[in-house]
Amino acid sequence: MLAATAARWMLAMLERDGCVYQDDTVDMLTKVGAENLLRENADGNPVLGTSVLSEFKKISADVVWIKPDRYWRWRVEEDELGREQRG
């Protein structure tokens, strides 16, 4: 699987559900044997690699990252500037 394909899958889930969790994307990539698109974070957990994140950023201008809960959602009027939000 290509990073762009994974990013399009993420966008489809976002359009369907209104949000997409990093863990769900990691699970999907693991199930299809695309572990090469993952990396290990400082805690030793698998997370999305930079290639997937870069591709997703290109196609998701109105999306924000909710760091505490590790998911992306559509930007709302109340959001602060920047891609990363508190909730």
PDB file of N, CA and C in Angstrom:
ATOM      1  N   MET A   1       0.850  -1.181   0.000  1.00  0.00           N
ATOM      2  CA  MET A   1       0.000   0.000   0.000  1.00  0.00           C
ATOM      3  C   MET A   1       0.891   1.238   0.000  1.00  0.00           C
ATOM      4  N   LEU A   2       0.464   2.235  -0.731  1.00  0.00           N
ATOM      5  CA  LEU A   2       1.187   3.504  -0.780  1.00  0.00           C
ATOM      6  C   LEU A   2       0.689   4.444   0.313  1.00  0.00           C
ATOM      7  N   ALA A   3       1.543   5.385   0.703  1.00  0.00           N
ATOM      8  CA  ALA A   3       1.160   6.373   1.713  1.00  0.00           C
ATOM      9  C   ALA A   3      -0.054   7.174   1.251  1.00  0.00           C
ATOM     10  N   ALA A   4      -0.121   7.506  -0.033  1.00  0.00           N
ATOM     11  CA  ALA A   4      -1.255   8.268  -0.560  1.00  0.00           C
ATOM     12  C   ALA A   4      -2.553   7.470  -0.452  1.00  0.00           C
ATOM     13  N   THR A   5      -2.480   6.170  -0.637  1.00  0.00           N
ATOM     14  CA  THR A   5      -3.662   5.312  -0.506  1.00  0.00           C
ATOM     15  C   THR A   5      -4.149   5.305   0.939  1.00  0.00           C
ATOM     16  N   ALA A   6      -3.217   5.215   1.875  1.00  0.00           N
ATOM     17  CA  ALA A   6      -3.577   5.246   3.298  1.00  0.00           C
ATOM     18  C   ALA A   6      -4.199   6.595   3.657  1.00  0.00           C
ATOM     19  N   ALA A   7      -3.649   7.668   3.117  1.00  0.00           N
ATOM     20  CA  ALA A   7      -4.190   9.008   3.395  1.00  0.00           C
ATOM     21  C   ALA A   7      -5.602   9.147   2.843  1.00  0.00           C
ATOM     22  N   ARG A   8      -5.843   8.609   1.642  1.00  0.00           N
ATOM     23  CA  ARG A   8      -7.193   8.665   1.070  1.00  0.00           C
ATOM     24  C   ARG A   8      -8.172   7.845   1.911  1.00  0.00           C
ATOM     25  N   TRP A   9      -7.719   6.710   2.455  1.00  0.00           N
ATOM     26  CA  TRP A   9      -8.561   5.904   3.337  1.00  0.00           C
ATOM     27  C   TRP A   9      -8.927   6.712   4.579  1.00  0.00           C
ATOM     28  N   MET A  10      -7.937   7.413   5.135  1.00  0.00           N
ATOM     29  CA  MET A  10      -8.190   8.246   6.318  1.00  0.00           C
ATOM     30  C   MET A  10      -9.231   9.319   6.011  1.00  0.00           C
ATOM     31  N   LEU A  11      -9.098   9.964   4.860  1.00  0.00           N
ATOM     32  CA  LEU A  11     -10.049  11.002   4.479  1.00  0.00           C
ATOM     33  C   LEU A  11     -11.448  10.415   4.286  1.00  0.00           C
ATOM     34  N   ALA A  12     -11.539   9.235   3.706  1.00  0.00           N
ATOM     35  CA  ALA A  12     -12.839   8.579   3.534  1.00  0.00           C
ATOM     36  C   ALA A  12     -13.483   8.281   4.882  1.00  0.00           C
ATOM     37  N   MET A  13     -12.694   7.826   5.858  1.00  0.00           N
ATOM     38  CA  MET A  13     -13.231   7.559   7.198  1.00  0.00           C
ATOM     39  C   MET A  13     -13.678   8.856   7.859  1.00  0.00           C
ATOM     40  N   LEU A  14     -12.926   9.908   7.660  1.00  0.00           N
ATOM     41  CA  LEU A  14     -13.269  11.222   8.202  1.00  0.00           C
ATOM     42  C   LEU A  14     -14.581  11.710   7.603  1.00  0.00           C
ATOM     43  N   GLU A  15     -14.738  11.558   6.297  1.00  0.00           N
ATOM     44  CA  GLU A  15     -15.979  11.970   5.646  1.00  0.00           C
ATOM     45  C   GLU A  15     -17.155  11.122   6.113  1.00  0.00           C
ATOM     46  N   ARG A  16     -16.925   9.853   6.348  1.00  0.00           N
ATOM     47  CA  ARG A  16     -17.987   8.943   6.785  1.00  0.00           C
ATOM     48  C   ARG A  16     -18.383   9.169   8.236  1.00  0.00           C
ATOM     49  N   ASP A  17     -17.371   9.285   9.118  1.00  0.00           N
ATOM     50  CA  ASP A  17     -17.622   9.287  10.558  1.00  0.00           C
ATOM     51  C   ASP A  17     -17.458  10.642  11.237  1.00  0.00           C
ATOM     52  N   GLY A  18     -16.859  11.608  10.560  1.00  0.00           N
ATOM     53  CA  GLY A  18     -16.618  12.914  11.165  1.00  0.00           C
ATOM     54  C   GLY A  18     -15.298  12.999  11.910  1.00  0.00           C
ATOM     55  N   CYS A  19     -14.636  11.860  12.088  1.00  0.00           N
ATOM     56  CA  CYS A  19     -13.306  11.836  12.704  1.00  0.00           C
ATOM     57  C   CYS A  19     -12.627  10.532  12.307  1.00  0.00           C
ATOM     58  N   VAL A  20     -11.323  10.502  12.465  1.00  0.00           N
ATOM     59  CA  VAL A  20     -10.565   9.277  12.221  1.00  0.00           C
ATOM     60  C   VAL A  20      -9.470   9.184  13.273  1.00  0.00           C
ATOM     61  N   TYR A  21      -9.451   8.070  13.984  1.00  0.00           N
ATOM     62  CA  TYR A  21      -8.481   7.838  15.051  1.00  0.00           C
ATOM     63  C   TYR A  21      -7.196   7.253  14.497  1.00  0.00           C
ATOM     64  N   GLN A  22      -6.082   7.701  15.040  1.00  0.00           N
ATOM     65  CA  GLN A  22      -4.794   7.158  14.630  1.00  0.00           C
ATOM     66  C   GLN A  22      -4.754   5.648  14.845  1.00  0.00           C
ATOM     67  N   ASP A  23      -5.259   5.169  15.976  1.00  0.00           N
ATOM     68  CA  ASP A  23      -5.227   3.729  16.268  1.00  0.00           C
ATOM     69  C   ASP A  23      -5.972   2.918  15.209  1.00  0.00           C
ATOM     70  N   ASP A  24      -7.092   3.445  14.703  1.00  0.00           N
ATOM     71  CA  ASP A  24      -7.839   2.731  13.660  1.00  0.00           C
ATOM     72  C   ASP A  24      -7.026   2.645  12.377  1.00  0.00           C
ATOM     73  N   THR A  25      -6.315   3.713  12.057  1.00  0.00           N
ATOM     74  CA  THR A  25      -5.489   3.718  10.857  1.00  0.00           C
ATOM     75  C   THR A  25      -4.306   2.773  11.026  1.00  0.00           C
ATOM     76  N   VAL A  26      -3.692   2.775  12.196  1.00  0.00           N
ATOM     77  CA  VAL A  26      -2.589   1.849  12.474  1.00  0.00           C
ATOM     78  C   VAL A  26      -3.084   0.408  12.354  1.00  0.00           C
ATOM     79  N   ASP A  27      -4.261   0.120  12.899  1.00  0.00           N
ATOM     80  CA  ASP A  27      -4.829  -1.229  12.806  1.00  0.00           C
ATOM     81  C   ASP A  27      -5.058  -1.640  11.352  1.00  0.00           C
ATOM     82  N   MET A  28      -5.612  -0.727  10.556  1.00  0.00           N
ATOM     83  CA  MET A  28      -5.874  -1.030   9.155  1.00  0.00           C
ATOM     84  C   MET A  28      -4.568  -1.321   8.423  1.00  0.00           C
ATOM     85  N   LEU A  29      -3.557  -0.491   8.642  1.00  0.00           N
ATOM     86  CA  LEU A  29      -2.271  -0.692   7.964  1.00  0.00           C
ATOM     87  C   LEU A  29      -1.613  -2.006   8.388  1.00  0.00           C
ATOM     88  N   THR A  30      -1.753  -2.356   9.646  1.00  0.00           N
ATOM     89  CA  THR A  30      -1.207  -3.626  10.136  1.00  0.00           C
ATOM     90  C   THR A  30      -1.925  -4.805   9.488  1.00  0.00           C
ATOM     91  N   LYS A  31      -3.248  -4.726   9.394  1.00  0.00           N
ATOM     92  CA  LYS A  31      -4.035  -5.825   8.818  1.00  0.00           C
ATOM     93  C   LYS A  31      -3.726  -6.061   7.351  1.00  0.00           C
ATOM     94  N   VAL A  32      -3.387  -4.999   6.617  1.00  0.00           N
ATOM     95  CA  VAL A  32      -3.090  -5.170   5.188  1.00  0.00           C
ATOM     96  C   VAL A  32      -1.600  -5.375   4.930  1.00  0.00           C
ATOM     97  N   GLY A  33      -0.814  -5.491   5.996  1.00  0.00           N
ATOM     98  CA  GLY A  33       0.617  -5.761   5.850  1.00  0.00           C
ATOM     99  C   GLY A  33       1.437  -4.567   5.423  1.00  0.00           C
ATOM    100  N   ALA A  34       0.987  -3.370   5.774  1.00  0.00           N
ATOM    101  CA  ALA A  34       1.704  -2.146   5.384  1.00  0.00           C
ATOM    102  C   ALA A  34       2.423  -1.522   6.575  1.00  0.00           C
ATOM    103  N   GLU A  35       3.086  -2.356   7.359  1.00  0.00           N
ATOM    104  CA  GLU A  35       3.813  -1.855   8.521  1.00  0.00           C
ATOM    105  C   GLU A  35       4.927  -0.890   8.143  1.00  0.00           C
ATOM    106  N   ASN A  36       5.356  -0.925   6.876  1.00  0.00           N
ATOM    107  CA  ASN A  36       6.401  -0.006   6.416  1.00  0.00           C
ATOM    108  C   ASN A  36       5.936   1.450   6.457  1.00  0.00           C
ATOM    109  N   LEU A  37       4.625   1.678   6.585  1.00  0.00           N
ATOM    110  CA  LEU A  37       4.088   3.031   6.679  1.00  0.00           C
ATOM    111  C   LEU A  37       3.956   3.503   8.126  1.00  0.00           C
ATOM    112  N   LEU A  38       4.397   2.662   9.046  1.00  0.00           N
ATOM    113  CA  LEU A  38       4.333   2.991  10.472  1.00  0.00           C
ATOM    114  C   LEU A  38       5.732   3.240  11.009  1.00  0.00           C
ATOM    115  N   ARG A  39       5.768   3.876  12.173  1.00  0.00           N
ATOM    116  CA  ARG A  39       7.031   4.032  12.905  1.00  0.00           C
ATOM    117  C   ARG A  39       6.722   3.776  14.376  1.00  0.00           C
ATOM    118  N   GLU A  40       7.742   3.695  15.175  1.00  0.00           N
ATOM    119  CA  GLU A  40       7.582   3.484  16.612  1.00  0.00           C
ATOM    120  C   GLU A  40       7.795   4.811  17.328  1.00  0.00           C
ATOM    121  N   ASN A  41       6.855   5.161  18.231  1.00  0.00           N
ATOM    122  CA  ASN A  41       7.021   6.413  18.976  1.00  0.00           C
ATOM    123  C   ASN A  41       7.933   6.194  20.181  1.00  0.00           C
ATOM    124  N   ALA A  42       8.149   7.233  20.965  1.00  0.00           N
ATOM    125  CA  ALA A  42       9.067   7.171  22.108  1.00  0.00           C
ATOM    126  C   ALA A  42       8.627   6.148  23.151  1.00  0.00           C
ATOM    127  N   ASP A  43       7.337   5.844  23.197  1.00  0.00           N
ATOM    128  CA  ASP A  43       6.825   4.856  24.150  1.00  0.00           C
ATOM    129  C   ASP A  43       6.854   3.434  23.595  1.00  0.00           C
ATOM    130  N   GLY A  44       7.320   3.286  22.369  1.00  0.00           N
ATOM    131  CA  GLY A  44       7.400   1.971  21.761  1.00  0.00           C
ATOM    132  C   GLY A  44       6.128   1.527  21.064  1.00  0.00           C
ATOM    133  N   ASN A  45       5.192   2.433  20.858  1.00  0.00           N
ATOM    134  CA  ASN A  45       3.926   2.095  20.209  1.00  0.00           C
ATOM    135  C   ASN A  45       3.989   2.442  18.722  1.00  0.00           C
ATOM    136  N   PRO A  46       3.297   1.659  17.888  1.00  0.00           N
ATOM    137  CA  PRO A  46       3.270   1.986  16.467  1.00  0.00           C
ATOM    138  C   PRO A  46       2.373   3.201  16.208  1.00  0.00           C
ATOM    139  N   VAL A  47       2.861   4.115  15.393  1.00  0.00           N
ATOM    140  CA  VAL A  47       2.115   5.309  14.997  1.00  0.00           C
ATOM    141  C   VAL A  47       2.326   5.516  13.499  1.00  0.00           C
ATOM    142  N   LEU A  48       1.576   6.418  12.924  1.00  0.00           N
ATOM    143  CA  LEU A  48       1.702   6.678  11.497  1.00  0.00           C
ATOM    144  C   LEU A  48       3.056   7.286  11.174  1.00  0.00           C
ATOM    145  N   GLY A  49       3.624   6.832  10.088  1.00  0.00           N
ATOM    146  CA  GLY A  49       4.891   7.374   9.629  1.00  0.00           C
ATOM    147  C   GLY A  49       4.709   8.716   8.940  1.00  0.00           C
ATOM    148  N   THR A  50       5.802   9.414   8.757  1.00  0.00           N
ATOM    149  CA  THR A  50       5.732  10.756   8.180  1.00  0.00           C
ATOM    150  C   THR A  50       5.219  10.758   6.747  1.00  0.00           C
ATOM    151  N   SER A  51       5.436   9.694   6.001  1.00  0.00           N
ATOM    152  CA  SER A  51       4.952   9.669   4.619  1.00  0.00           C
ATOM    153  C   SER A  51       3.425   9.707   4.572  1.00  0.00           C
ATOM    154  N   VAL A  52       2.773   8.968   5.446  1.00  0.00           N
ATOM    155  CA  VAL A  52       1.307   8.972   5.501  1.00  0.00           C
ATOM    156  C   VAL A  52       0.810  10.327   5.988  1.00  0.00           C
ATOM    157  N   LEU A  53       1.423  10.844   7.029  1.00  0.00           N
ATOM    158  CA  LEU A  53       0.998  12.136   7.568  1.00  0.00           C
ATOM    159  C   LEU A  53       1.167  13.255   6.545  1.00  0.00           C
ATOM    160  N   SER A  54       2.253  13.222   5.790  1.00  0.00           N
ATOM    161  CA  SER A  54       2.482  14.241   4.755  1.00  0.00           C
ATOM    162  C   SER A  54       1.417  14.169   3.668  1.00  0.00           C
ATOM    163  N   GLU A  55       1.104  12.971   3.232  1.00  0.00           N
ATOM    164  CA  GLU A  55       0.073  12.799   2.202  1.00  0.00           C
ATOM    165  C   GLU A  55      -1.295  13.230   2.726  1.00  0.00           C
ATOM    166  N   PHE A  56      -1.595  12.893   3.976  1.00  0.00           N
ATOM    167  CA  PHE A  56      -2.883  13.268   4.557  1.00  0.00           C
ATOM    168  C   PHE A  56      -2.998  14.781   4.680  1.00  0.00           C
ATOM    169  N   LYS A  57      -1.927  15.415   5.071  1.00  0.00           N
ATOM    170  CA  LYS A  57      -1.945  16.874   5.211  1.00  0.00           C
ATOM    171  C   LYS A  57      -2.234  17.559   3.874  1.00  0.00           C
ATOM    172  N   LYS A  58      -1.721  17.000   2.787  1.00  0.00           N
ATOM    173  CA  LYS A  58      -1.937  17.573   1.458  1.00  0.00           C
ATOM    174  C   LYS A  58      -3.413  17.576   1.057  1.00  0.00           C
ATOM    175  N   ILE A  59      -4.168  16.576   1.507  1.00  0.00           N
ATOM    176  CA  ILE A  59      -5.552  16.421   1.049  1.00  0.00           C
ATOM    177  C   ILE A  59      -6.584  16.794   2.107  1.00  0.00           C
ATOM    178  N   SER A  60      -6.140  17.348   3.224  1.00  0.00           N
ATOM    179  CA  SER A  60      -7.077  17.595   4.326  1.00  0.00           C
ATOM    180  C   SER A  60      -6.859  18.962   4.965  1.00  0.00           C
ATOM    181  N   ALA A  61      -7.026  20.010   4.195  1.00  0.00           N
ATOM    182  CA  ALA A  61      -6.753  21.363   4.681  1.00  0.00           C
ATOM    183  C   ALA A  61      -7.659  21.785   5.837  1.00  0.00           C
ATOM    184  N   ASP A  62      -8.882  21.302   5.881  1.00  0.00           N
ATOM    185  CA  ASP A  62      -9.841  21.710   6.916  1.00  0.00           C
ATOM    186  C   ASP A  62      -9.933  20.715   8.062  1.00  0.00           C
ATOM    187  N   VAL A  63      -8.845  20.035   8.349  1.00  0.00           N
ATOM    188  CA  VAL A  63      -8.823  19.008   9.383  1.00  0.00           C
ATOM    189  C   VAL A  63      -7.855  19.426  10.483  1.00  0.00           C
ATOM    190  N   VAL A  64      -8.199  19.112  11.741  1.00  0.00           N
ATOM    191  CA  VAL A  64      -7.312  19.390  12.873  1.00  0.00           C
ATOM    192  C   VAL A  64      -7.007  18.096  13.622  1.00  0.00           C
ATOM    193  N   TRP A  65      -5.887  18.093  14.295  1.00  0.00           N
ATOM    194  CA  TRP A  65      -5.399  16.960  15.088  1.00  0.00           C
ATOM    195  C   TRP A  65      -5.716  17.229  16.548  1.00  0.00           C
ATOM    196  N   ILE A  66      -6.400  16.304  17.177  1.00  0.00           N
ATOM    197  CA  ILE A  66      -6.721  16.397  18.604  1.00  0.00           C
ATOM    198  C   ILE A  66      -5.714  15.510  19.330  1.00  0.00           C
ATOM    199  N   LYS A  67      -4.677  16.153  19.831  1.00  0.00           N
ATOM    200  CA  LYS A  67      -3.534  15.420  20.376  1.00  0.00           C
ATOM    201  C   LYS A  67      -3.875  14.536  21.574  1.00  0.00           C
ATOM    202  N   PRO A  68      -4.627  15.034  22.580  1.00  0.00           N
ATOM    203  CA  PRO A  68      -4.852  14.177  23.752  1.00  0.00           C
ATOM    204  C   PRO A  68      -5.530  12.846  23.418  1.00  0.00           C
ATOM    205  N   ASP A  69      -6.440  12.861  22.443  1.00  0.00           N
ATOM    206  CA  ASP A  69      -7.189  11.651  22.101  1.00  0.00           C
ATOM    207  C   ASP A  69      -6.708  10.992  20.814  1.00  0.00           C
ATOM    208  N   ARG A  70      -5.714  11.584  20.174  1.00  0.00           N
ATOM    209  CA  ARG A  70      -5.063  11.040  18.978  1.00  0.00           C
ATOM    210  C   ARG A  70      -6.046  10.745  17.840  1.00  0.00           C
ATOM    211  N   TYR A  71      -6.754  11.811  17.412  1.00  0.00           N
ATOM    212  CA  TYR A  71      -7.625  11.671  16.253  1.00  0.00           C
ATOM    213  C   TYR A  71      -7.693  12.982  15.477  1.00  0.00           C
ATOM    214  N   TRP A  72      -8.176  12.897  14.235  1.00  0.00           N
ATOM    215  CA  TRP A  72      -8.389  14.062  13.389  1.00  0.00           C
ATOM    216  C   TRP A  72      -9.884  14.280  13.250  1.00  0.00           C
ATOM    217  N   ARG A  73     -10.274  15.550  13.154  1.00  0.00           N
ATOM    218  CA  ARG A  73     -11.670  15.906  12.918  1.00  0.00           C
ATOM    219  C   ARG A  73     -11.701  17.156  12.067  1.00  0.00           C
ATOM    220  N   TRP A  74     -12.893  17.488  11.564  1.00  0.00           N
ATOM    221  CA  TRP A  74     -13.045  18.699  10.774  1.00  0.00           C
ATOM    222  C   TRP A  74     -12.859  19.923  11.667  1.00  0.00           C
ATOM    223  N   ARG A  75     -12.260  20.958  11.124  1.00  0.00           N
ATOM    224  CA  ARG A  75     -12.082  22.219  11.838  1.00  0.00           C
ATOM    225  C   ARG A  75     -13.450  22.853  12.081  1.00  0.00           C
ATOM    226  N   VAL A  76     -13.627  23.424  13.275  1.00  0.00           N
ATOM    227  CA  VAL A  76     -14.843  24.155  13.609  1.00  0.00           C
ATOM    228  C   VAL A  76     -14.480  25.603  13.922  1.00  0.00           C
ATOM    229  N   GLU A  77     -15.472  26.450  13.938  1.00  0.00           N
ATOM    230  CA  GLU A  77     -15.267  27.885  14.122  1.00  0.00           C
ATOM    231  C   GLU A  77     -14.519  28.215  15.416  1.00  0.00           C
ATOM    232  N   GLU A  78     -14.729  27.430  16.451  1.00  0.00           N
ATOM    233  CA  GLU A  78     -14.131  27.700  17.758  1.00  0.00           C
ATOM    234  C   GLU A  78     -12.661  27.311  17.853  1.00  0.00           C
ATOM    235  N   ASP A  79     -12.134  26.611  16.865  1.00  0.00           N
ATOM    236  CA  ASP A  79     -10.742  26.165  16.909  1.00  0.00           C
ATOM    237  C   ASP A  79      -9.780  27.345  16.852  1.00  0.00           C
ATOM    238  N   GLU A  80      -8.654  27.159  17.516  1.00  0.00           N
ATOM    239  CA  GLU A  80      -7.582  28.143  17.455  1.00  0.00           C
ATOM    240  C   GLU A  80      -6.837  27.975  16.138  1.00  0.00           C
ATOM    241  N   LEU A  81      -5.951  28.907  15.839  1.00  0.00           N
ATOM    242  CA  LEU A  81      -5.115  28.781  14.656  1.00  0.00           C
ATOM    243  C   LEU A  81      -4.223  27.563  14.790  1.00  0.00           C
ATOM    244  N   GLY A  82      -3.858  26.988  13.687  1.00  0.00           N
ATOM    245  CA  GLY A  82      -2.957  25.842  13.689  1.00  0.00           C
ATOM    246  C   GLY A  82      -3.686  24.530  13.543  1.00  0.00           C
ATOM    247  N   ARG A  83      -2.921  23.531  13.230  1.00  0.00           N
ATOM    248  CA  ARG A  83      -3.468  22.188  12.956  1.00  0.00           C
ATOM    249  C   ARG A  83      -3.775  21.424  14.230  1.00  0.00           C
ATOM    250  N   GLU A  84      -3.001  21.632  15.283  1.00  0.00           N
ATOM    251  CA  GLU A  84      -3.171  20.890  16.530  1.00  0.00           C
ATOM    252  C   GLU A  84      -4.125  21.627  17.468  1.00  0.00           C
ATOM    253  N   GLN A  85      -5.095  20.889  18.008  1.00  0.00           N
ATOM    254  CA  GLN A  85      -6.098  21.460  18.910  1.00  0.00           C
ATOM    255  C   GLN A  85      -6.157  20.646  20.193  1.00  0.00           C
ATOM    256  N   ARG A  86      -6.760  21.236  21.201  1.00  0.00           N
ATOM    257  CA  ARG A  86      -6.858  20.563  22.499  1.00  0.00           C
ATOM    258  C   ARG A  86      -8.082  19.667  22.616  1.00  0.00           C
ATOM    259  N   GLY A  87      -9.078  19.867  21.817  1.00  0.00           N
ATOM    260  CA  GLY A  87     -10.280  19.035  21.944  1.00  0.00           C
ATOM    261  C   GLY A  87     -11.399  19.467  21.083  1.00  0.00           C
TER     262      GLY A  87
END
